[in-house]
Amino acid sequence: MKRLFKCFSLGGIVFLLIGILLLISGYFLNSSSVRNKKRCTVETEAVVERIIKKRDDDGFTYTPVYLYNYEGKSVRVNGTESSRWIFDEGEKVKIFVDPDKPNVIYCSKEGHQKILSL
């Protein structure tokens, strides 16, 4: 066992562990997105009410705020934060709503469902 670790430098082991952690977190983020896509089955149209623009060390992030009607009630939900500008204010977008939790949505134009802010 000691001989095996002699082949790797400490830096190599650290980068390997970081890579494994990134793969594992990517798997869980993707599986959550797929799960939400499956459970959001009711199609409706939403309007991008506004875009929340935030500045951080890497530049700007943009979060669309959707407004839509579900079963006669107006629902407002923040979409996925992204470094790309995807929507314009007032734009109409097709979304899918979870019938059991109408504040959980899936928007295929975003590319993934809001999962986690890191």
N, C-alpha and C. Protein backbone atom coordinates (compact mmCIF):
# COMPACT_ATOMS: atom_id res chain seq x y z
N MET A 1 0.84 -1.19 0.00
CA MET A 1 0.00 0.00 0.00
C MET A 1 0.88 1.25 0.00
N LYS A 2 1.94 1.23 0.79
CA LYS A 2 2.82 2.37 0.87
C LYS A 2 3.47 2.64 -0.49
N ARG A 3 3.79 1.59 -1.22
CA ARG A 3 4.40 1.71 -2.53
C ARG A 3 3.46 2.38 -3.52
N LEU A 4 2.17 2.12 -3.45
CA LEU A 4 1.19 2.72 -4.35
C LEU A 4 1.17 4.24 -4.21
N PHE A 5 1.20 4.73 -2.98
CA PHE A 5 1.15 6.17 -2.77
C PHE A 5 2.46 6.87 -3.11
N LYS A 6 3.56 6.11 -3.19
CA LYS A 6 4.82 6.71 -3.60
C LYS A 6 4.78 7.15 -5.06
N CYS A 7 3.92 6.54 -5.84
CA CYS A 7 3.80 6.88 -7.26
C CYS A 7 3.14 8.24 -7.46
N PHE A 8 2.37 8.71 -6.49
CA PHE A 8 1.63 9.96 -6.62
C PHE A 8 2.23 11.03 -5.71
N SER A 9 2.29 12.23 -6.21
CA SER A 9 2.71 13.34 -5.36
C SER A 9 1.51 13.81 -4.54
N LEU A 10 1.76 14.59 -3.53
CA LEU A 10 0.68 15.11 -2.70
C LEU A 10 -0.26 15.97 -3.54
N GLY A 11 0.31 16.78 -4.42
CA GLY A 11 -0.52 17.63 -5.30
C GLY A 11 -1.39 16.80 -6.21
N GLY A 12 -0.86 15.71 -6.73
CA GLY A 12 -1.64 14.83 -7.60
C GLY A 12 -2.81 14.21 -6.88
N ILE A 13 -2.58 13.80 -5.64
CA ILE A 13 -3.65 13.21 -4.84
C ILE A 13 -4.73 14.24 -4.54
N VAL A 14 -4.32 15.47 -4.22
CA VAL A 14 -5.29 16.55 -3.94
C VAL A 14 -6.14 16.81 -5.18
N PHE A 15 -5.52 16.93 -6.36
CA PHE A 15 -6.28 17.17 -7.58
C PHE A 15 -7.20 16.00 -7.91
N LEU A 16 -6.78 14.80 -7.65
CA LEU A 16 -7.62 13.63 -7.86
C LEU A 16 -8.85 13.69 -6.96
N LEU A 17 -8.64 14.02 -5.69
CA LEU A 17 -9.78 14.12 -4.76
C LEU A 17 -10.73 15.23 -5.16
N ILE A 18 -10.21 16.37 -5.59
CA ILE A 18 -11.07 17.47 -6.05
C ILE A 18 -11.89 17.03 -7.25
N GLY A 19 -11.25 16.33 -8.19
CA GLY A 19 -11.96 15.82 -9.36
C GLY A 19 -13.08 14.88 -9.00
N ILE A 20 -12.81 13.98 -8.06
CA ILE A 20 -13.83 13.03 -7.62
C ILE A 20 -14.99 13.76 -6.96
N LEU A 21 -14.70 14.76 -6.12
CA LEU A 21 -15.77 15.54 -5.48
C LEU A 21 -16.62 16.27 -6.52
N LEU A 22 -15.99 16.83 -7.54
CA LEU A 22 -16.74 17.51 -8.59
C LEU A 22 -17.63 16.54 -9.36
N LEU A 23 -17.13 15.36 -9.65
CA LEU A 23 -17.95 14.36 -10.34
C LEU A 23 -19.15 13.95 -9.49
N ILE A 24 -18.93 13.73 -8.22
CA ILE A 24 -20.02 13.33 -7.33
C ILE A 24 -21.07 14.44 -7.22
N SER A 25 -20.63 15.68 -7.03
CA SER A 25 -21.59 16.79 -6.92
C SER A 25 -22.34 16.98 -8.23
N GLY A 26 -21.67 16.83 -9.36
CA GLY A 26 -22.34 16.93 -10.66
C GLY A 26 -23.39 15.87 -10.84
N TYR A 27 -23.10 14.66 -10.40
CA TYR A 27 -24.08 13.57 -10.48
C TYR A 27 -25.33 13.90 -9.68
N PHE A 28 -25.16 14.38 -8.44
CA PHE A 28 -26.32 14.68 -7.61
C PHE A 28 -27.11 15.87 -8.15
N LEU A 29 -26.43 16.89 -8.66
CA LEU A 29 -27.13 18.03 -9.24
C LEU A 29 -27.94 17.61 -10.46
N ASN A 30 -27.36 16.78 -11.30
CA ASN A 30 -28.05 16.33 -12.50
C ASN A 30 -29.23 15.43 -12.15
N SER A 31 -29.07 14.52 -11.19
CA SER A 31 -30.17 13.63 -10.84
C SER A 31 -31.34 14.40 -10.24
N SER A 32 -31.05 15.45 -9.50
CA SER A 32 -32.12 16.30 -8.96
C SER A 32 -32.86 17.00 -10.08
N SER A 33 -32.13 17.48 -11.07
CA SER A 33 -32.74 18.15 -12.21
C SER A 33 -33.64 17.20 -12.99
N VAL A 34 -33.16 15.99 -13.21
CA VAL A 34 -33.95 14.98 -13.93
C VAL A 34 -35.21 14.64 -13.14
N ARG A 35 -35.08 14.51 -11.83
CA ARG A 35 -36.23 14.20 -10.98
C ARG A 35 -37.28 15.32 -11.06
N ASN A 36 -36.83 16.58 -11.01
CA ASN A 36 -37.78 17.69 -11.10
C ASN A 36 -38.43 17.75 -12.48
N LYS A 37 -37.66 17.43 -13.52
CA LYS A 37 -38.22 17.42 -14.87
C LYS A 37 -39.34 16.39 -14.97
N LYS A 38 -39.18 15.25 -14.32
CA LYS A 38 -40.20 14.20 -14.37
C LYS A 38 -41.45 14.58 -13.59
N ARG A 39 -41.28 15.27 -12.47
CA ARG A 39 -42.46 15.57 -11.66
C ARG A 39 -43.18 16.85 -12.06
N CYS A 40 -42.54 17.70 -12.84
CA CYS A 40 -43.20 18.93 -13.33
C CYS A 40 -43.88 18.60 -14.65
N THR A 41 -45.16 18.26 -14.57
CA THR A 41 -45.87 17.70 -15.72
C THR A 41 -46.93 18.62 -16.31
N VAL A 42 -47.30 19.68 -15.61
CA VAL A 42 -48.36 20.57 -16.09
C VAL A 42 -47.72 21.73 -16.86
N GLU A 43 -48.01 21.78 -18.16
CA GLU A 43 -47.44 22.83 -19.00
C GLU A 43 -48.28 24.11 -18.87
N THR A 44 -47.58 25.23 -18.76
CA THR A 44 -48.25 26.52 -18.72
C THR A 44 -47.31 27.58 -19.28
N GLU A 45 -47.83 28.77 -19.46
CA GLU A 45 -47.02 29.87 -19.98
C GLU A 45 -46.75 30.86 -18.86
N ALA A 46 -45.51 31.26 -18.75
CA ALA A 46 -45.11 32.25 -17.75
C ALA A 46 -44.56 33.47 -18.46
N VAL A 47 -44.60 34.59 -17.76
CA VAL A 47 -43.99 35.82 -18.24
C VAL A 47 -42.77 36.09 -17.37
N VAL A 48 -41.67 36.46 -18.00
CA VAL A 48 -40.49 36.84 -17.24
C VAL A 48 -40.76 38.25 -16.72
N GLU A 49 -41.12 38.31 -15.44
CA GLU A 49 -41.53 39.58 -14.84
C GLU A 49 -40.35 40.55 -14.72
N ARG A 50 -39.22 40.02 -14.33
CA ARG A 50 -38.01 40.84 -14.22
C ARG A 50 -36.79 39.94 -14.16
N ILE A 51 -35.63 40.55 -14.28
CA ILE A 51 -34.36 39.83 -14.19
C ILE A 51 -33.60 40.41 -13.00
N ILE A 52 -33.21 39.53 -12.07
CA ILE A 52 -32.40 39.96 -10.93
C ILE A 52 -30.94 39.86 -11.37
N LYS A 53 -30.26 40.99 -11.36
CA LYS A 53 -28.86 41.03 -11.80
C LYS A 53 -28.00 41.28 -10.58
N LYS A 54 -27.05 40.35 -10.35
CA LYS A 54 -26.14 40.49 -9.20
C LYS A 54 -24.69 40.45 -9.70
N ARG A 55 -23.86 41.22 -9.04
CA ARG A 55 -22.44 41.23 -9.37
C ARG A 55 -21.68 40.47 -8.30
N ASP A 56 -20.75 39.61 -8.75
CA ASP A 56 -19.85 38.95 -7.81
C ASP A 56 -18.43 39.05 -8.36
N ASP A 57 -17.51 38.34 -7.78
CA ASP A 57 -16.10 38.43 -8.17
C ASP A 57 -15.86 38.00 -9.62
N ASP A 58 -16.71 37.12 -10.14
CA ASP A 58 -16.52 36.61 -11.50
C ASP A 58 -17.30 37.37 -12.56
N GLY A 59 -18.05 38.38 -12.18
CA GLY A 59 -18.87 39.13 -13.14
C GLY A 59 -20.30 39.22 -12.65
N PHE A 60 -21.24 39.09 -13.58
CA PHE A 60 -22.65 39.21 -13.24
C PHE A 60 -23.36 37.86 -13.32
N THR A 61 -24.41 37.72 -12.50
CA THR A 61 -25.32 36.58 -12.62
C THR A 61 -26.72 37.13 -12.83
N TYR A 62 -27.55 36.36 -13.52
CA TYR A 62 -28.90 36.77 -13.87
C TYR A 62 -29.89 35.70 -13.44
N THR A 63 -30.95 36.13 -12.76
CA THR A 63 -31.99 35.21 -12.31
C THR A 63 -33.34 35.70 -12.81
N PRO A 64 -34.00 34.94 -13.68
CA PRO A 64 -35.32 35.35 -14.13
C PRO A 64 -36.36 35.14 -13.04
N VAL A 65 -37.31 36.05 -12.95
CA VAL A 65 -38.44 35.90 -12.03
C VAL A 65 -39.67 35.66 -12.89
N TYR A 66 -40.26 34.47 -12.75
CA TYR A 66 -41.41 34.07 -13.55
C TYR A 66 -42.70 34.42 -12.83
N LEU A 67 -43.69 34.81 -13.60
CA LEU A 67 -45.04 35.04 -13.08
C LEU A 67 -45.99 34.23 -13.95
N TYR A 68 -46.80 33.37 -13.31
CA TYR A 68 -47.73 32.54 -14.07
C TYR A 68 -48.96 32.25 -13.22
N ASN A 69 -50.03 31.80 -13.87
CA ASN A 69 -51.25 31.42 -13.19
C ASN A 69 -51.33 29.91 -13.13
N TYR A 70 -51.68 29.41 -11.94
CA TYR A 70 -51.89 27.98 -11.78
C TYR A 70 -53.14 27.79 -10.93
N GLU A 71 -54.11 27.11 -11.50
CA GLU A 71 -55.39 26.86 -10.85
C GLU A 71 -56.01 28.14 -10.30
N GLY A 72 -55.96 29.19 -11.11
CA GLY A 72 -56.59 30.45 -10.76
C GLY A 72 -55.79 31.34 -9.83
N LYS A 73 -54.62 30.91 -9.44
CA LYS A 73 -53.80 31.71 -8.53
C LYS A 73 -52.54 32.18 -9.25
N SER A 74 -52.15 33.40 -8.95
CA SER A 74 -50.93 33.96 -9.51
C SER A 74 -49.73 33.46 -8.69
N VAL A 75 -48.71 32.93 -9.40
CA VAL A 75 -47.54 32.38 -8.72
C VAL A 75 -46.29 33.08 -9.25
N ARG A 76 -45.41 33.47 -8.35
CA ARG A 76 -44.14 34.13 -8.71
C ARG A 76 -43.00 33.25 -8.20
N VAL A 77 -42.09 32.88 -9.10
CA VAL A 77 -40.99 31.97 -8.75
C VAL A 77 -39.70 32.47 -9.38
N ASN A 78 -38.62 32.41 -8.62
CA ASN A 78 -37.30 32.70 -9.18
C ASN A 78 -36.81 31.49 -9.96
N GLY A 79 -36.23 31.75 -11.12
CA GLY A 79 -35.66 30.69 -11.92
C GLY A 79 -34.23 30.40 -11.49
N THR A 80 -33.49 29.76 -12.36
CA THR A 80 -32.12 29.38 -12.07
C THR A 80 -31.17 30.54 -12.31
N GLU A 81 -30.31 30.76 -11.34
CA GLU A 81 -29.27 31.79 -11.49
C GLU A 81 -28.27 31.32 -12.54
N SER A 82 -27.91 32.23 -13.43
CA SER A 82 -27.00 31.87 -14.52
C SER A 82 -26.04 33.02 -14.81
N SER A 83 -24.89 32.68 -15.34
CA SER A 83 -23.95 33.72 -15.77
C SER A 83 -24.29 34.21 -17.17
N ARG A 84 -25.24 33.55 -17.81
CA ARG A 84 -25.67 33.96 -19.16
C ARG A 84 -27.01 34.68 -19.09
N TRP A 85 -27.18 35.67 -19.95
CA TRP A 85 -28.46 36.36 -20.08
C TRP A 85 -29.32 35.53 -21.01
N ILE A 86 -30.36 34.90 -20.49
CA ILE A 86 -31.17 33.98 -21.29
C ILE A 86 -32.47 34.63 -21.75
N PHE A 87 -33.10 35.43 -20.89
CA PHE A 87 -34.42 35.97 -21.15
C PHE A 87 -34.41 37.49 -21.14
N ASP A 88 -35.47 38.05 -21.70
CA ASP A 88 -35.73 39.49 -21.60
C ASP A 88 -36.97 39.68 -20.74
N GLU A 89 -37.03 40.81 -20.06
CA GLU A 89 -38.23 41.11 -19.27
C GLU A 89 -39.43 41.18 -20.21
N GLY A 90 -40.54 40.60 -19.77
CA GLY A 90 -41.76 40.58 -20.57
C GLY A 90 -41.85 39.41 -21.53
N GLU A 91 -40.79 38.66 -21.67
CA GLU A 91 -40.78 37.51 -22.58
C GLU A 91 -41.70 36.41 -22.04
N LYS A 92 -42.45 35.77 -22.94
CA LYS A 92 -43.30 34.65 -22.57
C LYS A 92 -42.51 33.36 -22.76
N VAL A 93 -42.60 32.49 -21.75
CA VAL A 93 -41.80 31.27 -21.72
C VAL A 93 -42.68 30.09 -21.35
N LYS A 94 -42.46 28.95 -22.02
CA LYS A 94 -43.18 27.73 -21.66
C LYS A 94 -42.46 27.09 -20.47
N ILE A 95 -43.22 26.81 -19.41
CA ILE A 95 -42.66 26.14 -18.23
C ILE A 95 -43.55 24.95 -17.89
N PHE A 96 -43.01 24.10 -17.04
CA PHE A 96 -43.76 22.96 -16.53
C PHE A 96 -43.80 23.07 -15.01
N VAL A 97 -44.97 22.82 -14.44
CA VAL A 97 -45.22 23.02 -13.02
C VAL A 97 -45.47 21.67 -12.36
N ASP A 98 -44.96 21.51 -11.15
CA ASP A 98 -45.25 20.34 -10.33
C ASP A 98 -46.67 20.49 -9.79
N PRO A 99 -47.60 19.60 -10.16
CA PRO A 99 -48.99 19.76 -9.71
C PRO A 99 -49.16 19.68 -8.20
N ASP A 100 -48.24 19.01 -7.51
CA ASP A 100 -48.32 18.90 -6.05
C ASP A 100 -47.68 20.09 -5.34
N LYS A 101 -46.72 20.74 -6.01
CA LYS A 101 -46.04 21.91 -5.46
C LYS A 101 -45.91 22.94 -6.58
N PRO A 102 -46.93 23.79 -6.75
CA PRO A 102 -46.95 24.72 -7.89
C PRO A 102 -45.81 25.74 -7.91
N ASN A 103 -45.05 25.85 -6.84
CA ASN A 103 -43.91 26.78 -6.86
C ASN A 103 -42.62 26.09 -7.33
N VAL A 104 -42.71 24.80 -7.68
CA VAL A 104 -41.58 24.07 -8.26
C VAL A 104 -41.82 23.96 -9.75
N ILE A 105 -40.87 24.47 -10.54
CA ILE A 105 -41.04 24.51 -11.98
C ILE A 105 -39.82 23.92 -12.68
N TYR A 106 -40.04 23.63 -13.96
CA TYR A 106 -38.94 23.22 -14.85
C TYR A 106 -39.09 24.06 -16.12
N CYS A 107 -38.00 24.68 -16.52
CA CYS A 107 -38.00 25.45 -17.76
C CYS A 107 -36.87 24.91 -18.64
N SER A 108 -37.23 24.30 -19.75
CA SER A 108 -36.22 23.66 -20.60
C SER A 108 -35.27 24.69 -21.22
N LYS A 109 -35.71 25.92 -21.36
CA LYS A 109 -34.85 26.95 -21.94
C LYS A 109 -33.71 27.32 -20.99
N GLU A 110 -33.91 27.12 -19.71
CA GLU A 110 -32.84 27.36 -18.74
C GLU A 110 -31.77 26.27 -18.82
N GLY A 111 -32.16 25.09 -19.26
CA GLY A 111 -31.21 24.00 -19.35
C GLY A 111 -31.23 23.09 -18.15
N HIS A 112 -31.67 23.56 -17.01
CA HIS A 112 -31.81 22.74 -15.82
C HIS A 112 -32.70 23.45 -14.82
N GLN A 113 -33.15 22.71 -13.89
CA GLN A 113 -34.03 23.22 -12.84
C GLN A 113 -33.19 23.83 -11.73
N LYS A 114 -33.75 24.84 -11.07
CA LYS A 114 -33.07 25.41 -9.92
C LYS A 114 -32.85 24.32 -8.89
N ILE A 115 -31.59 24.16 -8.50
CA ILE A 115 -31.26 23.06 -7.61
C ILE A 115 -30.59 23.55 -6.36
N LEU A 116 -29.48 24.26 -6.55
CA LEU A 116 -28.65 24.60 -5.41
C LEU A 116 -27.78 25.79 -5.78
N SER A 117 -27.64 26.72 -4.88
CA SER A 117 -26.71 27.82 -5.11
C SER A 117 -25.44 27.51 -4.35
N LEU A 118 -24.36 27.42 -5.08
CA LEU A 118 -23.07 27.13 -4.44
C LEU A 118 -22.29 28.41 -4.26
